[in-house]
Amino acid sequence: MKYLLLTLASYASTHYLVGLLIQGQLAEIAEGLRHRPGAPTAGEYLREVRPHARRAHRQYTLMAGSALGLVACLVANWIF
């Protein structure tokens, strides 16, 4: 049961952190588009890249959550 909780906690934490990182990068890029004359508006850009950001969010969450879950379970097995 402790391994299940560790795995769920690792996926939840990586989901949250990866989401913050991706949303921060998207906001920074959208803000930088204002200074370029031929660039699309921030809303147009965000509508276009949002599906790609969701897919990247899911993939990075699965990859990082799996690695963190594995390490957490190995450490828990070693300690307990």
PDB file of N, CA and C in Angstrom:
ATOM      1  N   MET A   1       0.819  -1.188   0.000  1.00  0.00           N
ATOM      2  CA  MET A   1       0.000   0.000   0.000  1.00  0.00           C
ATOM      3  C   MET A   1       0.866   1.258   0.000  1.00  0.00           C
ATOM      4  N   LYS A   2       2.001   1.193   0.702  1.00  0.00           N
ATOM      5  CA  LYS A   2       2.864   2.371   0.754  1.00  0.00           C
ATOM      6  C   LYS A   2       3.462   2.664  -0.625  1.00  0.00           C
ATOM      7  N   TYR A   3       3.717   1.635  -1.408  1.00  0.00           N
ATOM      8  CA  TYR A   3       4.271   1.850  -2.738  1.00  0.00           C
ATOM      9  C   TYR A   3       3.247   2.497  -3.668  1.00  0.00           C
ATOM     10  N   LEU A   4       2.000   2.099  -3.523  1.00  0.00           N
ATOM     11  CA  LEU A   4       0.941   2.717  -4.319  1.00  0.00           C
ATOM     12  C   LEU A   4       0.814   4.195  -3.968  1.00  0.00           C
ATOM     13  N   LEU A   5       0.842   4.507  -2.688  1.00  0.00           N
ATOM     14  CA  LEU A   5       0.749   5.906  -2.264  1.00  0.00           C
ATOM     15  C   LEU A   5       1.962   6.717  -2.718  1.00  0.00           C
ATOM     16  N   LEU A   6       3.132   6.121  -2.650  1.00  0.00           N
ATOM     17  CA  LEU A   6       4.328   6.812  -3.130  1.00  0.00           C
ATOM     18  C   LEU A   6       4.259   7.080  -4.627  1.00  0.00           C
ATOM     19  N   THR A   7       3.784   6.110  -5.376  1.00  0.00           N
ATOM     20  CA  THR A   7       3.669   6.271  -6.822  1.00  0.00           C
ATOM     21  C   THR A   7       2.642   7.333  -7.180  1.00  0.00           C
ATOM     22  N   LEU A   8       1.491   7.297  -6.522  1.00  0.00           N
ATOM     23  CA  LEU A   8       0.472   8.312  -6.784  1.00  0.00           C
ATOM     24  C   LEU A   8       0.954   9.706  -6.403  1.00  0.00           C
ATOM     25  N   ALA A   9       1.658   9.807  -5.285  1.00  0.00           N
ATOM     26  CA  ALA A   9       2.190  11.102  -4.863  1.00  0.00           C
ATOM     27  C   ALA A   9       3.239  11.618  -5.841  1.00  0.00           C
ATOM     28  N   SER A  10       4.051  10.722  -6.377  1.00  0.00           N
ATOM     29  CA  SER A  10       5.073  11.156  -7.329  1.00  0.00           C
ATOM     30  C   SER A  10       4.434  11.642  -8.632  1.00  0.00           C
ATOM     31  N   TYR A  11       3.406  10.934  -9.114  1.00  0.00           N
ATOM     32  CA  TYR A  11       2.729  11.391 -10.323  1.00  0.00           C
ATOM     33  C   TYR A  11       1.999  12.710 -10.087  1.00  0.00           C
ATOM     34  N   ALA A  12       1.375  12.853  -8.929  1.00  0.00           N
ATOM     35  CA  ALA A  12       0.655  14.085  -8.633  1.00  0.00           C
ATOM     36  C   ALA A  12       1.606  15.274  -8.531  1.00  0.00           C
ATOM     37  N   SER A  13       2.725  15.085  -7.871  1.00  0.00           N
ATOM     38  CA  SER A  13       3.665  16.199  -7.723  1.00  0.00           C
ATOM     39  C   SER A  13       4.310  16.572  -9.053  1.00  0.00           C
ATOM     40  N   THR A  14       4.668  15.589  -9.853  1.00  0.00           N
ATOM     41  CA  THR A  14       5.249  15.917 -11.150  1.00  0.00           C
ATOM     42  C   THR A  14       4.215  16.537 -12.082  1.00  0.00           C
ATOM     43  N   HIS A  15       2.968  16.105 -11.987  1.00  0.00           N
ATOM     44  CA  HIS A  15       1.913  16.714 -12.800  1.00  0.00           C
ATOM     45  C   HIS A  15       1.779  18.197 -12.468  1.00  0.00           C
ATOM     46  N   TYR A  16       1.805  18.508 -11.192  1.00  0.00           N
ATOM     47  CA  TYR A  16       1.688  19.895 -10.761  1.00  0.00           C
ATOM     48  C   TYR A  16       2.903  20.721 -11.191  1.00  0.00           C
ATOM     49  N   LEU A  17       4.106  20.212 -10.947  1.00  0.00           N
ATOM     50  CA  LEU A  17       5.316  20.959 -11.262  1.00  0.00           C
ATOM     51  C   LEU A  17       5.528  21.131 -12.765  1.00  0.00           C
ATOM     52  N   VAL A  18       5.274  20.086 -13.527  1.00  0.00           N
ATOM     53  CA  VAL A  18       5.424  20.188 -14.980  1.00  0.00           C
ATOM     54  C   VAL A  18       4.406  21.173 -15.538  1.00  0.00           C
ATOM     55  N   GLY A  19       3.196  21.159 -14.997  1.00  0.00           N
ATOM     56  CA  GLY A  19       2.184  22.115 -15.438  1.00  0.00           C
ATOM     57  C   GLY A  19       2.608  23.545 -15.170  1.00  0.00           C
ATOM     58  N   LEU A  20       3.173  23.795 -14.002  1.00  0.00           N
ATOM     59  CA  LEU A  20       3.657  25.140 -13.697  1.00  0.00           C
ATOM     60  C   LEU A  20       4.766  25.564 -14.653  1.00  0.00           C
ATOM     61  N   LEU A  21       5.689  24.669 -14.933  1.00  0.00           N
ATOM     62  CA  LEU A  21       6.792  25.001 -15.834  1.00  0.00           C
ATOM     63  C   LEU A  21       6.307  25.292 -17.251  1.00  0.00           C
ATOM     64  N   ILE A  22       5.420  24.467 -17.755  1.00  0.00           N
ATOM     65  CA  ILE A  22       4.936  24.654 -19.126  1.00  0.00           C
ATOM     66  C   ILE A  22       4.100  25.919 -19.230  1.00  0.00           C
ATOM     67  N   GLN A  23       3.209  26.158 -18.263  1.00  0.00           N
ATOM     68  CA  GLN A  23       2.389  27.369 -18.316  1.00  0.00           C
ATOM     69  C   GLN A  23       3.247  28.624 -18.182  1.00  0.00           C
ATOM     70  N   GLY A  24       4.276  28.558 -17.373  1.00  0.00           N
ATOM     71  CA  GLY A  24       5.182  29.694 -17.238  1.00  0.00           C
ATOM     72  C   GLY A  24       5.926  29.991 -18.530  1.00  0.00           C
ATOM     73  N   GLN A  25       6.389  28.956 -19.198  1.00  0.00           N
ATOM     74  CA  GLN A  25       7.086  29.156 -20.465  1.00  0.00           C
ATOM     75  C   GLN A  25       6.145  29.708 -21.536  1.00  0.00           C
ATOM     76  N   LEU A  26       4.915  29.193 -21.573  1.00  0.00           N
ATOM     77  CA  LEU A  26       3.950  29.699 -22.555  1.00  0.00           C
ATOM     78  C   LEU A  26       3.631  31.168 -22.297  1.00  0.00           C
ATOM     79  N   ALA A  27       3.477  31.543 -21.046  1.00  0.00           N
ATOM     80  CA  ALA A  27       3.194  32.944 -20.720  1.00  0.00           C
ATOM     81  C   ALA A  27       4.373  33.841 -21.083  1.00  0.00           C
ATOM     82  N   GLU A  28       5.573  33.352 -20.848  1.00  0.00           N
ATOM     83  CA  GLU A  28       6.756  34.142 -21.185  1.00  0.00           C
ATOM     84  C   GLU A  28       6.893  34.330 -22.693  1.00  0.00           C
ATOM     85  N   ILE A  29       6.637  33.276 -23.449  1.00  0.00           N
ATOM     86  CA  ILE A  29       6.707  33.378 -24.909  1.00  0.00           C
ATOM     87  C   ILE A  29       5.615  34.293 -25.433  1.00  0.00           C
ATOM     88  N   ALA A  30       4.402  34.165 -24.898  1.00  0.00           N
ATOM     89  CA  ALA A  30       3.299  35.020 -25.332  1.00  0.00           C
ATOM     90  C   ALA A  30       3.587  36.480 -25.018  1.00  0.00           C
ATOM     91  N   GLU A  31       4.209  36.734 -23.894  1.00  0.00           N
ATOM     92  CA  GLU A  31       4.581  38.110 -23.538  1.00  0.00           C
ATOM     93  C   GLU A  31       5.655  38.637 -24.484  1.00  0.00           C
ATOM     94  N   GLY A  32       6.594  37.791 -24.873  1.00  0.00           N
ATOM     95  CA  GLY A  32       7.644  38.200 -25.790  1.00  0.00           C
ATOM     96  C   GLY A  32       7.153  38.469 -27.198  1.00  0.00           C
ATOM     97  N   LEU A  33       5.998  37.930 -27.556  1.00  0.00           N
ATOM     98  CA  LEU A  33       5.453  38.161 -28.902  1.00  0.00           C
ATOM     99  C   LEU A  33       4.990  39.601 -29.088  1.00  0.00           C
ATOM    100  N   ARG A  34       4.708  40.289 -28.008  1.00  0.00           N
ATOM    101  CA  ARG A  34       4.243  41.684 -28.116  1.00  0.00           C
ATOM    102  C   ARG A  34       5.311  42.598 -28.699  1.00  0.00           C
ATOM    103  N   HIS A  35       6.555  42.245 -28.555  1.00  0.00           N
ATOM    104  CA  HIS A  35       7.649  43.099 -28.995  1.00  0.00           C
ATOM    105  C   HIS A  35       8.080  42.794 -30.429  1.00  0.00           C
ATOM    106  N   ARG A  36       7.435  41.856 -31.062  1.00  0.00           N
ATOM    107  CA  ARG A  36       7.778  41.521 -32.447  1.00  0.00           C
ATOM    108  C   ARG A  36       6.678  42.049 -33.358  1.00  0.00           C
ATOM    109  N   PRO A  37       7.047  42.754 -34.405  1.00  0.00           N
ATOM    110  CA  PRO A  37       6.026  43.391 -35.248  1.00  0.00           C
ATOM    111  C   PRO A  37       5.165  42.423 -36.059  1.00  0.00           C
ATOM    112  N   GLY A  38       5.715  41.361 -36.585  1.00  0.00           N
ATOM    113  CA  GLY A  38       4.959  40.458 -37.444  1.00  0.00           C
ATOM    114  C   GLY A  38       4.402  39.239 -36.744  1.00  0.00           C
ATOM    115  N   ALA A  39       4.489  39.216 -35.448  1.00  0.00           N
ATOM    116  CA  ALA A  39       4.083  38.033 -34.684  1.00  0.00           C
ATOM    117  C   ALA A  39       2.565  38.022 -34.476  1.00  0.00           C
ATOM    118  N   PRO A  40       1.996  36.823 -34.305  1.00  0.00           N
ATOM    119  CA  PRO A  40       0.555  36.757 -34.004  1.00  0.00           C
ATOM    120  C   PRO A  40       0.285  37.287 -32.593  1.00  0.00           C
ATOM    121  N   THR A  41      -0.963  37.554 -32.315  1.00  0.00           N
ATOM    122  CA  THR A  41      -1.304  38.014 -30.974  1.00  0.00           C
ATOM    123  C   THR A  41      -1.103  36.871 -29.980  1.00  0.00           C
ATOM    124  N   ALA A  42      -1.068  37.237 -28.717  1.00  0.00           N
ATOM    125  CA  ALA A  42      -0.834  36.227 -27.681  1.00  0.00           C
ATOM    126  C   ALA A  42      -1.963  35.209 -27.660  1.00  0.00           C
ATOM    127  N   GLY A  43      -3.203  35.645 -27.842  1.00  0.00           N
ATOM    128  CA  GLY A  43      -4.342  34.726 -27.851  1.00  0.00           C
ATOM    129  C   GLY A  43      -4.291  33.738 -28.993  1.00  0.00           C
ATOM    130  N   GLU A  44      -3.938  34.222 -30.180  1.00  0.00           N
ATOM    131  CA  GLU A  44      -3.824  33.331 -31.340  1.00  0.00           C
ATOM    132  C   GLU A  44      -2.724  32.295 -31.114  1.00  0.00           C
ATOM    133  N   TYR A  45      -1.605  32.749 -30.586  1.00  0.00           N
ATOM    134  CA  TYR A  45      -0.491  31.838 -30.330  1.00  0.00           C
ATOM    135  C   TYR A  45      -0.886  30.773 -29.315  1.00  0.00           C
ATOM    136  N   LEU A  46      -1.518  31.195 -28.232  1.00  0.00           N
ATOM    137  CA  LEU A  46      -1.893  30.238 -27.191  1.00  0.00           C
ATOM    138  C   LEU A  46      -2.938  29.240 -27.681  1.00  0.00           C
ATOM    139  N   ARG A  47      -3.885  29.688 -28.496  1.00  0.00           N
ATOM    140  CA  ARG A  47      -4.870  28.746 -29.057  1.00  0.00           C
ATOM    141  C   ARG A  47      -4.198  27.720 -29.960  1.00  0.00           C
ATOM    142  N   GLU A  48      -3.165  28.131 -30.660  1.00  0.00           N
ATOM    143  CA  GLU A  48      -2.492  27.223 -31.586  1.00  0.00           C
ATOM    144  C   GLU A  48      -1.596  26.213 -30.862  1.00  0.00           C
ATOM    145  N   VAL A  49      -0.927  26.605 -29.793  1.00  0.00           N
ATOM    146  CA  VAL A  49       0.028  25.710 -29.147  1.00  0.00           C
ATOM    147  C   VAL A  49      -0.558  24.963 -27.950  1.00  0.00           C
ATOM    148  N   ARG A  50      -1.755  25.301 -27.523  1.00  0.00           N
ATOM    149  CA  ARG A  50      -2.321  24.652 -26.340  1.00  0.00           C
ATOM    150  C   ARG A  50      -2.436  23.127 -26.483  1.00  0.00           C
ATOM    151  N   PRO A  51      -2.895  22.575 -27.633  1.00  0.00           N
ATOM    152  CA  PRO A  51      -2.919  21.101 -27.753  1.00  0.00           C
ATOM    153  C   PRO A  51      -1.528  20.473 -27.655  1.00  0.00           C
ATOM    154  N   HIS A  52      -0.541  21.133 -28.215  1.00  0.00           N
ATOM    155  CA  HIS A  52       0.825  20.616 -28.136  1.00  0.00           C
ATOM    156  C   HIS A  52       1.340  20.677 -26.695  1.00  0.00           C
ATOM    157  N   ALA A  53       0.975  21.742 -25.992  1.00  0.00           N
ATOM    158  CA  ALA A  53       1.399  21.878 -24.596  1.00  0.00           C
ATOM    159  C   ALA A  53       0.747  20.804 -23.725  1.00  0.00           C
ATOM    160  N   ARG A  54      -0.526  20.484 -23.991  1.00  0.00           N
ATOM    161  CA  ARG A  54      -1.190  19.424 -23.223  1.00  0.00           C
ATOM    162  C   ARG A  54      -0.523  18.075 -23.443  1.00  0.00           C
ATOM    163  N   ARG A  55      -0.167  17.797 -24.691  1.00  0.00           N
ATOM    164  CA  ARG A  55       0.496  16.524 -24.997  1.00  0.00           C
ATOM    165  C   ARG A  55       1.873  16.465 -24.345  1.00  0.00           C
ATOM    166  N   ALA A  56       2.621  17.563 -24.415  1.00  0.00           N
ATOM    167  CA  ALA A  56       3.937  17.603 -23.773  1.00  0.00           C
ATOM    168  C   ALA A  56       3.800  17.476 -22.258  1.00  0.00           C
ATOM    169  N   HIS A  57       2.780  18.103 -21.696  1.00  0.00           N
ATOM    170  CA  HIS A  57       2.535  18.011 -20.254  1.00  0.00           C
ATOM    171  C   HIS A  57       2.290  16.560 -19.845  1.00  0.00           C
ATOM    172  N   ARG A  58       1.481  15.866 -20.596  1.00  0.00           N
ATOM    173  CA  ARG A  58       1.189  14.467 -20.291  1.00  0.00           C
ATOM    174  C   ARG A  58       2.441  13.597 -20.426  1.00  0.00           C
ATOM    175  N   GLN A  59       3.197  13.799 -21.497  1.00  0.00           N
ATOM    176  CA  GLN A  59       4.379  12.973 -21.723  1.00  0.00           C
ATOM    177  C   GLN A  59       5.454  13.216 -20.665  1.00  0.00           C
ATOM    178  N   TYR A  60       5.718  14.479 -20.352  1.00  0.00           N
ATOM    179  CA  TYR A  60       6.729  14.777 -19.338  1.00  0.00           C
ATOM    180  C   TYR A  60       6.282  14.330 -17.951  1.00  0.00           C
ATOM    181  N   THR A  61       4.983  14.436 -17.670  1.00  0.00           N
ATOM    182  CA  THR A  61       4.484  13.963 -16.379  1.00  0.00           C
ATOM    183  C   THR A  61       4.677  12.460 -16.255  1.00  0.00           C
ATOM    184  N   LEU A  62       4.348  11.710 -17.291  1.00  0.00           N
ATOM    185  CA  LEU A  62       4.527  10.261 -17.238  1.00  0.00           C
ATOM    186  C   LEU A  62       5.998   9.871 -17.103  1.00  0.00           C
ATOM    187  N   MET A  63       6.858  10.558 -17.832  1.00  0.00           N
ATOM    188  CA  MET A  63       8.275  10.230 -17.781  1.00  0.00           C
ATOM    189  C   MET A  63       8.874  10.591 -16.416  1.00  0.00           C
ATOM    190  N   ALA A  64       8.658  11.800 -15.975  1.00  0.00           N
ATOM    191  CA  ALA A  64       9.247  12.233 -14.705  1.00  0.00           C
ATOM    192  C   ALA A  64       8.570  11.546 -13.517  1.00  0.00           C
ATOM    193  N   GLY A  65       7.265  11.319 -13.604  1.00  0.00           N
ATOM    194  CA  GLY A  65       6.565  10.636 -12.522  1.00  0.00           C
ATOM    195  C   GLY A  65       7.008   9.197 -12.369  1.00  0.00           C
ATOM    196  N   SER A  66       7.275   8.534 -13.481  1.00  0.00           N
ATOM    197  CA  SER A  66       7.773   7.163 -13.414  1.00  0.00           C
ATOM    198  C   SER A  66       9.158   7.106 -12.776  1.00  0.00           C
ATOM    199  N   ALA A  67      10.021   8.012 -13.190  1.00  0.00           N
ATOM    200  CA  ALA A  67      11.369   8.036 -12.621  1.00  0.00           C
ATOM    201  C   ALA A  67      11.324   8.369 -11.130  1.00  0.00           C
ATOM    202  N   LEU A  68      10.530   9.370 -10.760  1.00  0.00           N
ATOM    203  CA  LEU A  68      10.435   9.744  -9.349  1.00  0.00           C
ATOM    204  C   LEU A  68       9.785   8.641  -8.526  1.00  0.00           C
ATOM    205  N   GLY A  69       8.764   7.994  -9.077  1.00  0.00           N
ATOM    206  CA  GLY A  69       8.121   6.884  -8.379  1.00  0.00           C
ATOM    207  C   GLY A  69       9.062   5.721  -8.162  1.00  0.00           C
ATOM    208  N   LEU A  70       9.856   5.405  -9.166  1.00  0.00           N
ATOM    209  CA  LEU A  70      10.828   4.326  -9.040  1.00  0.00           C
ATOM    210  C   LEU A  70      11.857   4.638  -7.957  1.00  0.00           C
ATOM    211  N   VAL A  71      12.374   5.848  -7.989  1.00  0.00           N
ATOM    212  CA  VAL A  71      13.369   6.237  -6.972  1.00  0.00           C
ATOM    213  C   VAL A  71      12.744   6.245  -5.579  1.00  0.00           C
ATOM    214  N   ALA A  72      11.534   6.770  -5.468  1.00  0.00           N
ATOM    215  CA  ALA A  72      10.871   6.825  -4.161  1.00  0.00           C
ATOM    216  C   ALA A  72      10.600   5.417  -3.615  1.00  0.00           C
ATOM    217  N   CYS A  73      10.169   4.510  -4.482  1.00  0.00           N
ATOM    218  CA  CYS A  73       9.914   3.130  -4.033  1.00  0.00           C
ATOM    219  C   CYS A  73      11.212   2.412  -3.661  1.00  0.00           C
ATOM    220  N   LEU A  74      12.268   2.650  -4.396  1.00  0.00           N
ATOM    221  CA  LEU A  74      13.564   2.044  -4.059  1.00  0.00           C
ATOM    222  C   LEU A  74      14.079   2.576  -2.719  1.00  0.00           C
ATOM    223  N   VAL A  75      13.936   3.872  -2.500  1.00  0.00           N
ATOM    224  CA  VAL A  75      14.376   4.450  -1.225  1.00  0.00           C
ATOM    225  C   VAL A  75      13.514   3.928  -0.087  1.00  0.00           C
ATOM    226  N   ALA A  76      12.203   3.826  -0.296  1.00  0.00           N
ATOM    227  CA  ALA A  76      11.315   3.313   0.746  1.00  0.00           C
ATOM    228  C   ALA A  76      11.626   1.851   1.044  1.00  0.00           C
ATOM    229  N   ASN A  77      11.933   1.084   0.029  1.00  0.00           N
ATOM    230  CA  ASN A  77      12.284  -0.323   0.229  1.00  0.00           C
ATOM    231  C   ASN A  77      13.598  -0.446   1.009  1.00  0.00           C
ATOM    232  N   TRP A  78      14.535   0.433   0.734  1.00  0.00           N
ATOM    233  CA  TRP A  78      15.820   0.400   1.405  1.00  0.00           C
ATOM    234  C   TRP A  78      15.692   0.840   2.866  1.00  0.00           C
ATOM    235  N   ILE A  79      14.869   1.871   3.116  1.00  0.00           N
ATOM    236  CA  ILE A  79      14.731   2.407   4.470  1.00  0.00           C
ATOM    237  C   ILE A  79      13.857   1.503   5.331  1.00  0.00           C
ATOM    238  N   PHE A  80      12.731   1.090   4.813  1.00  0.00           N
ATOM    239  CA  PHE A  80      11.773   0.302   5.621  1.00  0.00           C
ATOM    240  C   PHE A  80      12.012  -1.129   5.346  1.00  0.00           C
TER     241      PHE A  80
END
